Amino acid sequence: MLGAGIILLFGILLSQSSFDLPFLNPDTNQQLLFFAALSALIFLLFVALTFVLARNLLKLFAERRLGVLGSKFRTRLVVAGLLLSFLPVIVMFWFAYGLMNRSIDKWFSRPVEEVHADTTAIASLLSNYAAQNAR
């Protein structure tokens, strides 16, 4: 868990240093301290949320194994909640993936098609020239 936290913290720091957004560049030491404290707070809240979620899932698993009354219903509620949480993320991922593929295809398909057509035209002209000179 500590390793995952370190990786997450490294990712946050990398993202903050990678993107050159003017409103995220601190001008004073107070702003720098504020952004560092905000990053630490976000990290700690994320760790706490992960801990609470894991604890509740373990409790739910134990209740289900013991056959506690209402554990099946609670399991369905938790699964529905997780699906409702992850469904927008998955849909946005696939939408962004499709949008990026379409954009890249639109950006680079035209020049490639033009180069292919020009190459085909040059090859046919060259073969015609060679055929005429061979006679």
N, C-alpha and C. Protein backbone atom coordinates (compact mmCIF):
# COMPACT_ATOMS: atom_id res chain seq x y z
N MET A 1 0.83 -1.18 0.00
CA MET A 1 0.00 0.00 0.00
C MET A 1 0.88 1.25 0.00
N LEU A 2 1.98 1.17 0.71
CA LEU A 2 2.90 2.29 0.73
C LEU A 2 3.49 2.52 -0.66
N GLY A 3 3.79 1.42 -1.35
CA GLY A 3 4.33 1.54 -2.70
C GLY A 3 3.33 2.19 -3.65
N ALA A 4 2.06 1.79 -3.51
CA ALA A 4 1.02 2.39 -4.35
C ALA A 4 0.88 3.88 -4.04
N GLY A 5 0.98 4.23 -2.77
CA GLY A 5 0.90 5.64 -2.39
C GLY A 5 2.06 6.44 -2.95
N ILE A 6 3.24 5.85 -2.91
CA ILE A 6 4.41 6.54 -3.45
C ILE A 6 4.27 6.73 -4.96
N ILE A 7 3.78 5.69 -5.64
CA ILE A 7 3.58 5.80 -7.08
C ILE A 7 2.54 6.87 -7.39
N LEU A 8 1.46 6.89 -6.61
CA LEU A 8 0.42 7.90 -6.82
C LEU A 8 0.97 9.30 -6.56
N LEU A 9 1.71 9.46 -5.49
CA LEU A 9 2.30 10.77 -5.19
C LEU A 9 3.25 11.20 -6.29
N PHE A 10 4.05 10.26 -6.78
CA PHE A 10 4.96 10.57 -7.87
C PHE A 10 4.19 10.98 -9.12
N GLY A 11 3.07 10.29 -9.39
CA GLY A 11 2.24 10.65 -10.54
C GLY A 11 1.66 12.04 -10.42
N ILE A 12 1.20 12.40 -9.21
CA ILE A 12 0.65 13.74 -9.00
C ILE A 12 1.73 14.80 -9.20
N LEU A 13 2.90 14.55 -8.62
CA LEU A 13 3.99 15.52 -8.77
C LEU A 13 4.43 15.63 -10.23
N LEU A 14 4.46 14.50 -10.93
CA LEU A 14 4.83 14.52 -12.34
C LEU A 14 3.81 15.30 -13.16
N SER A 15 2.53 15.09 -12.87
CA SER A 15 1.50 15.81 -13.62
C SER A 15 1.55 17.31 -13.32
N GLN A 16 1.86 17.66 -12.08
CA GLN A 16 1.95 19.09 -11.77
C GLN A 16 3.14 19.74 -12.45
N SER A 17 4.23 19.00 -12.60
CA SER A 17 5.40 19.60 -13.23
C SER A 17 5.35 19.47 -14.75
N SER A 18 4.57 18.54 -15.27
CA SER A 18 4.51 18.33 -16.72
C SER A 18 3.66 19.37 -17.42
N PHE A 19 2.56 19.73 -16.83
CA PHE A 19 1.65 20.66 -17.47
C PHE A 19 2.04 22.08 -17.10
N ASP A 20 2.28 22.90 -18.11
CA ASP A 20 2.71 24.28 -17.88
C ASP A 20 1.49 25.19 -17.91
N LEU A 21 0.68 25.09 -16.86
CA LEU A 21 -0.51 25.92 -16.77
C LEU A 21 -0.17 27.16 -15.96
N PRO A 22 -0.46 28.34 -16.50
CA PRO A 22 -0.04 29.57 -15.82
C PRO A 22 -0.67 29.76 -14.44
N PHE A 23 -1.90 29.29 -14.25
CA PHE A 23 -2.54 29.49 -12.95
C PHE A 23 -2.03 28.49 -11.91
N LEU A 24 -1.25 27.49 -12.33
CA LEU A 24 -0.68 26.55 -11.37
C LEU A 24 0.79 26.83 -11.08
N ASN A 25 1.34 27.86 -11.68
CA ASN A 25 2.73 28.23 -11.40
C ASN A 25 2.74 29.22 -10.24
N PRO A 26 3.23 28.80 -9.09
CA PRO A 26 3.22 29.71 -7.94
C PRO A 26 4.24 30.84 -8.12
N ASP A 27 3.81 32.03 -7.73
CA ASP A 27 4.68 33.20 -7.82
C ASP A 27 5.45 33.44 -6.53
N THR A 28 4.84 33.09 -5.42
CA THR A 28 5.46 33.33 -4.12
C THR A 28 5.65 32.02 -3.39
N ASN A 29 6.40 32.08 -2.30
CA ASN A 29 6.61 30.89 -1.48
C ASN A 29 5.31 30.46 -0.80
N GLN A 30 4.44 31.41 -0.50
CA GLN A 30 3.17 31.06 0.13
C GLN A 30 2.30 30.24 -0.83
N GLN A 31 2.29 30.62 -2.10
CA GLN A 31 1.53 29.86 -3.08
C GLN A 31 2.13 28.47 -3.28
N LEU A 32 3.45 28.39 -3.27
CA LEU A 32 4.12 27.10 -3.39
C LEU A 32 3.75 26.20 -2.22
N LEU A 33 3.75 26.75 -1.02
CA LEU A 33 3.38 25.99 0.17
C LEU A 33 1.91 25.58 0.10
N PHE A 34 1.06 26.46 -0.40
CA PHE A 34 -0.36 26.13 -0.54
C PHE A 34 -0.57 24.96 -1.49
N PHE A 35 0.10 24.98 -2.65
CA PHE A 35 -0.05 23.89 -3.62
C PHE A 35 0.52 22.58 -3.08
N ALA A 36 1.62 22.65 -2.34
CA ALA A 36 2.18 21.44 -1.75
C ALA A 36 1.23 20.88 -0.69
N ALA A 37 0.65 21.75 0.13
CA ALA A 37 -0.30 21.30 1.15
C ALA A 37 -1.56 20.74 0.50
N LEU A 38 -2.01 21.36 -0.56
CA LEU A 38 -3.19 20.87 -1.27
C LEU A 38 -2.92 19.49 -1.88
N SER A 39 -1.74 19.31 -2.45
CA SER A 39 -1.38 18.00 -3.00
C SER A 39 -1.32 16.94 -1.91
N ALA A 40 -0.73 17.29 -0.77
CA ALA A 40 -0.65 16.34 0.34
C ALA A 40 -2.04 16.01 0.87
N LEU A 41 -2.92 17.00 0.96
CA LEU A 41 -4.28 16.77 1.43
C LEU A 41 -5.04 15.85 0.47
N ILE A 42 -4.91 16.09 -0.81
CA ILE A 42 -5.57 15.23 -1.80
C ILE A 42 -5.06 13.80 -1.69
N PHE A 43 -3.77 13.65 -1.53
CA PHE A 43 -3.19 12.32 -1.39
C PHE A 43 -3.71 11.63 -0.13
N LEU A 44 -3.73 12.33 0.99
CA LEU A 44 -4.21 11.73 2.24
C LEU A 44 -5.69 11.38 2.17
N LEU A 45 -6.48 12.23 1.55
CA LEU A 45 -7.90 11.92 1.39
C LEU A 45 -8.11 10.71 0.48
N PHE A 46 -7.30 10.61 -0.55
CA PHE A 46 -7.39 9.45 -1.43
C PHE A 46 -7.03 8.16 -0.69
N VAL A 47 -5.99 8.21 0.12
CA VAL A 47 -5.60 7.04 0.91
C VAL A 47 -6.70 6.68 1.90
N ALA A 48 -7.28 7.68 2.56
CA ALA A 48 -8.35 7.41 3.52
C ALA A 48 -9.57 6.81 2.82
N LEU A 49 -9.92 7.33 1.67
CA LEU A 49 -11.05 6.80 0.92
C LEU A 49 -10.80 5.35 0.49
N THR A 50 -9.60 5.08 0.05
CA THR A 50 -9.25 3.71 -0.34
C THR A 50 -9.32 2.78 0.86
N PHE A 51 -8.84 3.22 2.01
CA PHE A 51 -8.88 2.41 3.22
C PHE A 51 -10.32 2.12 3.64
N VAL A 52 -11.17 3.12 3.62
CA VAL A 52 -12.57 2.93 4.01
C VAL A 52 -13.28 1.99 3.03
N LEU A 53 -13.03 2.16 1.75
CA LEU A 53 -13.64 1.29 0.76
C LEU A 53 -13.19 -0.16 0.93
N ALA A 54 -11.90 -0.37 1.14
CA ALA A 54 -11.38 -1.73 1.34
C ALA A 54 -11.96 -2.34 2.61
N ARG A 55 -12.04 -1.56 3.67
CA ARG A 55 -12.59 -2.05 4.94
C ARG A 55 -14.05 -2.47 4.77
N ASN A 56 -14.84 -1.64 4.10
CA ASN A 56 -16.25 -1.98 3.89
C ASN A 56 -16.42 -3.20 3.00
N LEU A 57 -15.57 -3.35 2.00
CA LEU A 57 -15.66 -4.53 1.15
C LEU A 57 -15.28 -5.79 1.92
N LEU A 58 -14.28 -5.70 2.78
CA LEU A 58 -13.91 -6.86 3.61
C LEU A 58 -15.01 -7.21 4.60
N LYS A 59 -15.62 -6.20 5.20
CA LYS A 59 -16.74 -6.46 6.12
C LYS A 59 -17.91 -7.09 5.38
N LEU A 60 -18.19 -6.61 4.20
CA LEU A 60 -19.28 -7.16 3.40
C LEU A 60 -19.00 -8.61 3.02
N PHE A 61 -17.76 -8.89 2.65
CA PHE A 61 -17.38 -10.26 2.31
C PHE A 61 -17.54 -11.18 3.52
N ALA A 62 -17.12 -10.71 4.70
CA ALA A 62 -17.24 -11.52 5.92
C ALA A 62 -18.71 -11.74 6.28
N GLU A 63 -19.54 -10.71 6.17
CA GLU A 63 -20.96 -10.85 6.46
C GLU A 63 -21.62 -11.82 5.49
N ARG A 64 -21.21 -11.78 4.26
CA ARG A 64 -21.80 -12.67 3.26
C ARG A 64 -21.43 -14.13 3.55
N ARG A 65 -20.19 -14.35 3.98
CA ARG A 65 -19.76 -15.72 4.30
C ARG A 65 -20.46 -16.24 5.54
N LEU A 66 -20.74 -15.35 6.50
CA LEU A 66 -21.43 -15.77 7.72
C LEU A 66 -22.93 -15.91 7.51
N GLY A 67 -23.44 -15.39 6.43
CA GLY A 67 -24.87 -15.49 6.14
C GLY A 67 -25.71 -14.53 6.95
N VAL A 68 -25.20 -13.34 7.22
CA VAL A 68 -25.93 -12.33 7.98
C VAL A 68 -27.13 -11.86 7.16
N LEU A 69 -28.24 -11.64 7.87
CA LEU A 69 -29.47 -11.21 7.22
C LEU A 69 -29.25 -9.86 6.51
N GLY A 70 -29.61 -9.79 5.25
CA GLY A 70 -29.49 -8.56 4.48
C GLY A 70 -28.15 -8.40 3.78
N SER A 71 -27.26 -9.37 3.91
CA SER A 71 -25.94 -9.22 3.29
C SER A 71 -26.02 -9.32 1.76
N LYS A 72 -26.95 -10.13 1.25
CA LYS A 72 -27.10 -10.21 -0.21
C LYS A 72 -27.61 -8.88 -0.78
N PHE A 73 -28.56 -8.29 -0.08
CA PHE A 73 -29.10 -7.00 -0.52
C PHE A 73 -28.01 -5.92 -0.46
N ARG A 74 -27.25 -5.95 0.61
CA ARG A 74 -26.17 -4.97 0.77
C ARG A 74 -25.11 -5.16 -0.32
N THR A 75 -24.83 -6.42 -0.66
CA THR A 75 -23.88 -6.69 -1.74
C THR A 75 -24.39 -6.12 -3.05
N ARG A 76 -25.67 -6.30 -3.31
CA ARG A 76 -26.24 -5.75 -4.55
C ARG A 76 -26.16 -4.23 -4.57
N LEU A 77 -26.40 -3.61 -3.42
CA LEU A 77 -26.30 -2.15 -3.34
C LEU A 77 -24.87 -1.68 -3.60
N VAL A 78 -23.91 -2.38 -3.01
CA VAL A 78 -22.51 -1.99 -3.19
C VAL A 78 -22.09 -2.18 -4.65
N VAL A 79 -22.47 -3.30 -5.25
CA VAL A 79 -22.13 -3.55 -6.65
C VAL A 79 -22.79 -2.50 -7.55
N ALA A 80 -24.05 -2.18 -7.28
CA ALA A 80 -24.74 -1.16 -8.07
C ALA A 80 -24.06 0.20 -7.91
N GLY A 81 -23.67 0.53 -6.69
CA GLY A 81 -22.97 1.79 -6.46
C GLY A 81 -21.63 1.84 -7.18
N LEU A 82 -20.89 0.74 -7.14
CA LEU A 82 -19.61 0.71 -7.85
C LEU A 82 -19.81 0.81 -9.36
N LEU A 83 -20.82 0.12 -9.87
CA LEU A 83 -21.10 0.21 -11.31
C LEU A 83 -21.51 1.62 -11.70
N LEU A 84 -22.34 2.25 -10.87
CA LEU A 84 -22.74 3.63 -11.17
C LEU A 84 -21.56 4.59 -11.08
N SER A 85 -20.58 4.25 -10.25
CA SER A 85 -19.40 5.10 -10.14
C SER A 85 -18.45 4.91 -11.32
N PHE A 86 -18.27 3.66 -11.73
CA PHE A 86 -17.30 3.39 -12.78
C PHE A 86 -17.86 3.50 -14.19
N LEU A 87 -19.16 3.42 -14.34
CA LEU A 87 -19.76 3.48 -15.67
C LEU A 87 -19.45 4.80 -16.39
N PRO A 88 -19.61 5.96 -15.76
CA PRO A 88 -19.25 7.21 -16.46
C PRO A 88 -17.77 7.28 -16.83
N VAL A 89 -16.92 6.73 -15.97
CA VAL A 89 -15.49 6.74 -16.26
C VAL A 89 -15.20 5.89 -17.50
N ILE A 90 -15.81 4.72 -17.55
CA ILE A 90 -15.59 3.82 -18.69
C ILE A 90 -16.14 4.44 -19.97
N VAL A 91 -17.34 5.03 -19.89
CA VAL A 91 -17.93 5.65 -21.08
C VAL A 91 -17.07 6.82 -21.56
N MET A 92 -16.59 7.64 -20.63
CA MET A 92 -15.73 8.76 -21.02
C MET A 92 -14.43 8.27 -21.63
N PHE A 93 -13.87 7.18 -21.07
CA PHE A 93 -12.64 6.63 -21.63
C PHE A 93 -12.85 6.20 -23.07
N TRP A 94 -13.92 5.44 -23.33
CA TRP A 94 -14.15 4.96 -24.70
C TRP A 94 -14.48 6.11 -25.65
N PHE A 95 -15.21 7.12 -25.17
CA PHE A 95 -15.50 8.28 -26.01
C PHE A 95 -14.21 9.02 -26.36
N ALA A 96 -13.36 9.24 -25.36
CA ALA A 96 -12.09 9.94 -25.61
C ALA A 96 -11.19 9.12 -26.53
N TYR A 97 -11.18 7.81 -26.32
CA TYR A 97 -10.38 6.92 -27.17
C TYR A 97 -10.85 7.02 -28.63
N GLY A 98 -12.15 6.94 -28.85
CA GLY A 98 -12.69 7.05 -30.20
C GLY A 98 -12.43 8.42 -30.81
N LEU A 99 -12.58 9.46 -29.99
CA LEU A 99 -12.35 10.82 -30.48
C LEU A 99 -10.89 11.01 -30.89
N MET A 100 -9.97 10.51 -30.07
CA MET A 100 -8.55 10.64 -30.41
C MET A 100 -8.22 9.85 -31.67
N ASN A 101 -8.73 8.63 -31.77
CA ASN A 101 -8.46 7.84 -32.98
C ASN A 101 -9.02 8.52 -34.22
N ARG A 102 -10.22 9.06 -34.11
CA ARG A 102 -10.83 9.75 -35.25
C ARG A 102 -10.03 11.00 -35.61
N SER A 103 -9.61 11.75 -34.61
CA SER A 103 -8.85 12.98 -34.87
C SER A 103 -7.51 12.66 -35.51
N ILE A 104 -6.83 11.67 -34.99
CA ILE A 104 -5.53 11.30 -35.56
C ILE A 104 -5.71 10.79 -36.98
N ASP A 105 -6.77 10.01 -37.20
CA ASP A 105 -7.03 9.50 -38.54
C ASP A 105 -7.32 10.65 -39.51
N LYS A 106 -8.08 11.63 -39.06
CA LYS A 106 -8.38 12.79 -39.92
C LYS A 106 -7.13 13.63 -40.18
N TRP A 107 -6.29 13.79 -39.15
CA TRP A 107 -5.10 14.62 -39.31
C TRP A 107 -4.11 14.01 -40.29
N PHE A 108 -3.91 12.71 -40.19
CA PHE A 108 -2.82 12.09 -40.94
C PHE A 108 -3.27 11.26 -42.13
N SER A 109 -4.55 11.07 -42.36
CA SER A 109 -4.97 10.23 -43.48
C SER A 109 -4.81 10.96 -44.81
N ARG A 110 -5.09 12.22 -44.84
CA ARG A 110 -5.03 12.98 -46.10
C ARG A 110 -3.62 13.02 -46.67
N PRO A 111 -2.60 13.40 -45.91
CA PRO A 111 -1.25 13.41 -46.48
C PRO A 111 -0.79 12.02 -46.93
N VAL A 112 -1.14 10.99 -46.18
CA VAL A 112 -0.73 9.64 -46.55
C VAL A 112 -1.40 9.23 -47.85
N GLU A 113 -2.68 9.55 -47.99
CA GLU A 113 -3.39 9.22 -49.24
C GLU A 113 -2.79 9.98 -50.42
N GLU A 114 -2.43 11.24 -50.21
CA GLU A 114 -1.83 12.03 -51.28
C GLU A 114 -0.47 11.46 -51.68
N VAL A 115 0.33 11.08 -50.70
CA VAL A 115 1.64 10.49 -51.00
C VAL A 115 1.46 9.18 -51.75
N HIS A 116 0.50 8.38 -51.32
CA HIS A 116 0.24 7.10 -52.01
C HIS A 116 -0.20 7.34 -53.45
N ALA A 117 -1.09 8.29 -53.66
CA ALA A 117 -1.56 8.59 -55.02
C ALA A 117 -0.41 9.12 -55.88
N ASP A 118 0.41 10.02 -55.32
CA ASP A 118 1.54 10.56 -56.07
C ASP A 118 2.55 9.47 -56.41
N THR A 119 2.80 8.59 -55.47
CA THR A 119 3.74 7.49 -55.71
C THR A 119 3.22 6.56 -56.79
N THR A 120 1.93 6.27 -56.77
CA THR A 120 1.33 5.43 -57.80
C THR A 120 1.43 6.10 -59.17
N ALA A 121 1.18 7.40 -59.21
CA ALA A 121 1.27 8.13 -60.48
C ALA A 121 2.70 8.13 -61.01
N ILE A 122 3.68 8.35 -60.15
CA ILE A 122 5.08 8.35 -60.57
C ILE A 122 5.48 6.96 -61.06
N ALA A 123 5.03 5.92 -60.35
CA ALA A 123 5.36 4.56 -60.76
C ALA A 123 4.77 4.23 -62.12
N SER A 124 3.53 4.66 -62.37
CA SER A 124 2.92 4.39 -63.68
C SER A 124 3.62 5.18 -64.78
N LEU A 125 3.99 6.44 -64.51
CA LEU A 125 4.74 7.23 -65.50
C LEU A 125 6.09 6.60 -65.80
N LEU A 126 6.75 6.12 -64.76
CA LEU A 126 8.06 5.49 -64.93
C LEU A 126 7.94 4.20 -65.74
N SER A 127 6.90 3.42 -65.46
CA SER A 127 6.73 2.17 -66.23
C SER A 127 6.37 2.48 -67.68
N ASN A 128 5.55 3.51 -67.92
CA ASN A 128 5.25 3.92 -69.30
C ASN A 128 6.50 4.40 -70.03
N TYR A 129 7.33 5.18 -69.35
CA TYR A 129 8.57 5.68 -69.93
C TYR A 129 9.51 4.52 -70.27
N ALA A 130 9.61 3.57 -69.33
CA ALA A 130 10.47 2.42 -69.58
C ALA A 130 9.94 1.57 -70.73
N ALA A 131 8.62 1.44 -70.82
CA ALA A 131 8.03 0.66 -71.91
C ALA A 131 8.25 1.35 -73.26
N GLN A 132 8.16 2.67 -73.30
CA GLN A 132 8.38 3.40 -74.56
C GLN A 132 9.84 3.33 -74.99
N ASN A 133 10.76 3.39 -74.05
CA ASN A 133 12.18 3.33 -74.37
C ASN A 133 12.62 1.92 -74.74
N ALA A 134 11.88 0.92 -74.30
CA ALA A 134 12.24 -0.46 -74.61
C ALA A 134 11.91 -0.80 -76.05
N ARG A 135 11.03 -0.09 -76.69
CA ARG A 135 10.62 -0.38 -78.07
C ARG A 135 11.61 0.12 -79.02
